[in-house]
Amino acid sequence: MRTHTATTKLALCAAVLLTAGVGTASAAPTDTPPAARTAHHTSDGPVLVDCLWHAQTRPADFTLACGDGNSRLTSLHWSAWDADSATARGTNMVNDCVPYCAAGHFHAYPVTVRLERPEPWPKQPGARQFTQLSLTYTDGRPDGFARVTTVPLWK
C-alpha cells in the first residue's frame, strides 16, 4: 500500500510539473510584438514553428524541449532572417536535472543560433518553415553536448 501511494504521489507531481512547465514556457511574455510572433505568412520567408504550432518570426524566446521545458533559448537578437537561413545570438537555458529534473537547476550558456533548411509547412499552404536548428556554444556548454549541436525541428 505504501509503495502504491508513493508511486501515485510521484506520478501526480510529475504531471503537475509537466503541465506547469509547458504552460509557463508558452505563456511567458517576449519583447517581440504579437504580430511578429504569430502571423500568417505566405511570402515573408520561412517561419520558426513553436511548441504550440504557431508561426514565429524573429522570436525573443523559443522553447527547444517542448515536453518538459528543460531547454529554452532566451534573449535572442536576430542579425539575419532571409529565405534560406536565420542567425541570432542568445542564451540556451538548460536544466542540469541533478538529482532529477524537477529539483535541477537551470544554467545559462551563450549561443549562436542558426536556422536552415526551409521546407513547405504542411499546416499552412504557401508558407515555409525552418526544419533544422544549430547551436554553437560560445562560452561553455552543457555536459555531453558538442560545441556545435544540430537538431531537426518538428514538421
Protein backbone atom coordinates (compact mmCIF):
# COMPACT_ATOMS: atom_id res chain seq x y z
CA MET A 1 0.00 0.00 0.00
CA ARG A 2 2.80 2.41 0.91
CA THR A 3 4.61 1.78 -2.43
CA HIS A 4 1.39 2.38 -4.37
CA THR A 5 0.81 5.70 -2.53
CA ALA A 6 4.39 6.86 -3.16
CA THR A 7 4.16 5.92 -6.84
CA THR A 8 0.85 7.76 -7.20
CA LYS A 9 2.24 10.87 -5.49
CA LEU A 10 5.31 10.81 -7.74
CA ALA A 11 3.16 10.45 -10.87
CA LEU A 12 0.88 13.32 -9.79
CA CYS A 13 3.84 15.57 -9.02
CA ALA A 14 5.39 14.80 -12.41
CA ALA A 15 2.11 15.59 -14.18
CA VAL A 16 1.71 18.89 -12.31
CA LEU A 17 5.32 19.92 -13.04
CA LEU A 18 5.00 18.99 -16.69
CA THR A 19 1.76 20.97 -17.03
CA ALA A 20 3.22 23.95 -15.20
CA GLY A 21 6.41 23.87 -17.30
CA VAL A 22 4.56 23.78 -20.60
CA GLY A 23 2.11 26.48 -19.52
CA THR A 24 4.84 28.75 -18.20
CA ALA A 25 7.02 28.39 -21.29
CA SER A 26 4.22 29.10 -23.73
CA ALA A 27 2.72 31.96 -21.70
CA ALA A 28 5.96 33.79 -20.99
CA PRO A 29 5.99 37.34 -22.35
CA THR A 30 8.50 38.29 -25.00
CA ASP A 31 9.86 41.56 -26.32
CA THR A 32 8.59 40.71 -29.79
CA PRO A 33 5.19 42.19 -30.71
CA PRO A 34 2.45 39.55 -31.17
CA ALA A 35 2.09 40.37 -34.87
CA ALA A 36 5.74 39.47 -35.44
CA ARG A 37 5.49 36.25 -33.40
CA THR A 38 2.37 34.63 -34.79
CA ALA A 39 1.33 35.88 -38.16
CA HIS A 40 0.07 34.10 -41.25
CA HIS A 41 2.99 34.08 -43.64
CA THR A 42 2.83 33.42 -47.34
CA SER A 43 5.70 35.37 -48.87
CA ASP A 44 7.65 36.90 -45.97
CA GLY A 45 10.07 33.99 -45.89
CA PRO A 46 10.29 30.93 -43.66
CA VAL A 47 8.94 30.84 -40.12
CA LEU A 48 10.02 29.09 -36.94
CA VAL A 49 7.23 26.83 -35.64
CA ASP A 50 6.88 26.72 -31.84
CA CYS A 51 5.61 24.01 -29.49
CA LEU A 52 2.00 25.12 -30.00
CA TRP A 53 2.34 25.04 -33.82
CA HIS A 54 2.37 28.84 -34.13
CA ALA A 55 4.49 30.56 -36.76
CA GLN A 56 7.14 32.86 -35.33
CA THR A 57 9.46 35.32 -36.98
CA ARG A 58 12.44 36.60 -35.02
CA PRO A 59 11.18 35.41 -31.61
CA ALA A 60 12.89 36.74 -28.48
CA ASP A 61 12.48 33.33 -26.77
CA PHE A 62 12.00 29.80 -28.08
CA THR A 63 11.43 26.52 -26.23
CA LEU A 64 13.55 23.64 -27.54
CA ALA A 65 12.29 20.94 -25.16
CA CYS A 66 8.53 21.14 -25.67
CA GLY A 67 7.69 18.18 -23.44
CA ASP A 68 9.35 19.40 -20.26
CA GLY A 69 10.74 22.90 -20.89
CA ASN A 70 14.23 21.86 -19.78
CA SER A 71 15.97 23.63 -22.68
CA ARG A 72 14.99 27.09 -23.88
CA LEU A 73 16.55 29.85 -25.96
CA THR A 74 16.24 33.32 -24.42
CA SER A 75 17.30 36.89 -25.21
CA LEU A 76 17.52 36.14 -28.93
CA HIS A 77 18.83 39.01 -31.08
CA TRP A 78 18.47 38.24 -34.78
CA SER A 79 21.12 39.57 -37.15
CA ALA A 80 19.70 37.87 -40.27
CA TRP A 81 16.41 36.29 -41.39
CA ASP A 82 16.01 35.52 -45.08
CA ALA A 83 14.62 32.91 -47.48
CA ASP A 84 17.39 30.38 -46.75
CA SER A 85 18.53 30.86 -43.16
CA ALA A 86 18.35 32.93 -39.99
CA THR A 87 21.03 33.77 -37.41
CA ALA A 88 20.80 35.05 -33.84
CA ARG A 89 22.80 35.35 -30.64
CA GLY A 90 21.24 34.49 -27.31
CA THR A 91 21.30 32.18 -24.32
CA ASN A 92 20.45 28.50 -24.03
CA MET A 93 18.93 27.90 -20.58
CA VAL A 94 19.44 24.21 -19.79
CA ASN A 95 18.27 22.27 -16.72
CA ASP A 96 21.03 20.04 -15.33
CA CYS A 97 18.36 17.63 -13.96
CA VAL A 98 20.54 16.91 -10.90
CA PRO A 99 19.48 14.97 -8.90
CA TYR A 100 16.38 14.87 -11.17
CA CYS A 101 14.78 17.44 -13.46
CA ALA A 102 12.15 18.77 -11.03
CA ALA A 103 14.91 19.52 -8.50
CA GLY A 104 17.52 20.55 -11.07
CA HIS A 105 18.94 23.99 -11.76
CA PHE A 106 19.00 25.98 -14.98
CA HIS A 107 22.35 27.12 -16.34
CA ALA A 108 22.91 29.81 -18.96
CA TYR A 109 25.10 29.11 -21.99
CA PRO A 110 25.76 31.81 -24.61
CA VAL A 111 24.99 30.52 -28.10
CA THR A 112 24.80 31.45 -31.74
CA VAL A 113 21.61 30.07 -33.29
CA ARG A 114 21.30 29.17 -36.97
CA LEU A 115 18.06 28.12 -38.65
CA GLU A 116 18.23 26.36 -42.02
CA ARG A 117 16.54 24.02 -44.47
CA PRO A 118 13.23 25.75 -45.09
CA GLU A 119 10.53 23.41 -46.39
CA PRO A 120 6.80 23.78 -47.09
CA TRP A 121 4.80 23.93 -43.84
CA PRO A 122 2.01 21.35 -44.07
CA LYS A 123 -0.19 23.27 -41.59
CA GLN A 124 -0.34 26.39 -43.74
CA PRO A 125 -0.30 26.14 -47.54
CA GLY A 126 2.05 28.63 -49.15
CA ALA A 127 4.19 29.04 -46.04
CA ARG A 128 7.64 27.59 -45.41
CA GLN A 129 9.22 26.64 -42.11
CA PHE A 130 12.80 26.16 -40.98
CA THR A 131 13.42 22.45 -40.31
CA GLN A 132 16.93 22.48 -38.81
CA LEU A 133 18.43 24.37 -35.88
CA SER A 134 22.12 24.56 -34.98
CA LEU A 135 23.50 25.87 -31.70
CA THR A 136 27.13 26.92 -31.40
CA TYR A 137 28.14 27.24 -27.75
CA THR A 138 30.46 30.23 -27.46
CA ASP A 139 31.44 30.02 -23.76
CA GLY A 140 30.96 26.67 -22.05
CA ARG A 141 28.28 24.09 -22.81
CA PRO A 142 26.12 21.51 -21.04
CA ASP A 143 27.73 18.19 -20.15
CA GLY A 144 27.66 15.79 -23.08
CA PHE A 145 26.92 18.46 -25.71
CA ALA A 146 29.20 19.10 -28.66
CA ARG A 147 30.36 22.68 -29.26
CA VAL A 148 28.11 22.71 -32.32
CA THR A 149 24.83 20.84 -31.89
CA THR A 150 22.43 20.44 -34.82
CA VAL A 151 18.90 19.14 -34.39
CA PRO A 152 15.90 18.70 -36.68
CA LEU A 153 12.86 20.85 -35.95
CA TRP A 154 9.36 19.39 -35.91
CA LYS A 155 7.38 19.40 -39.14
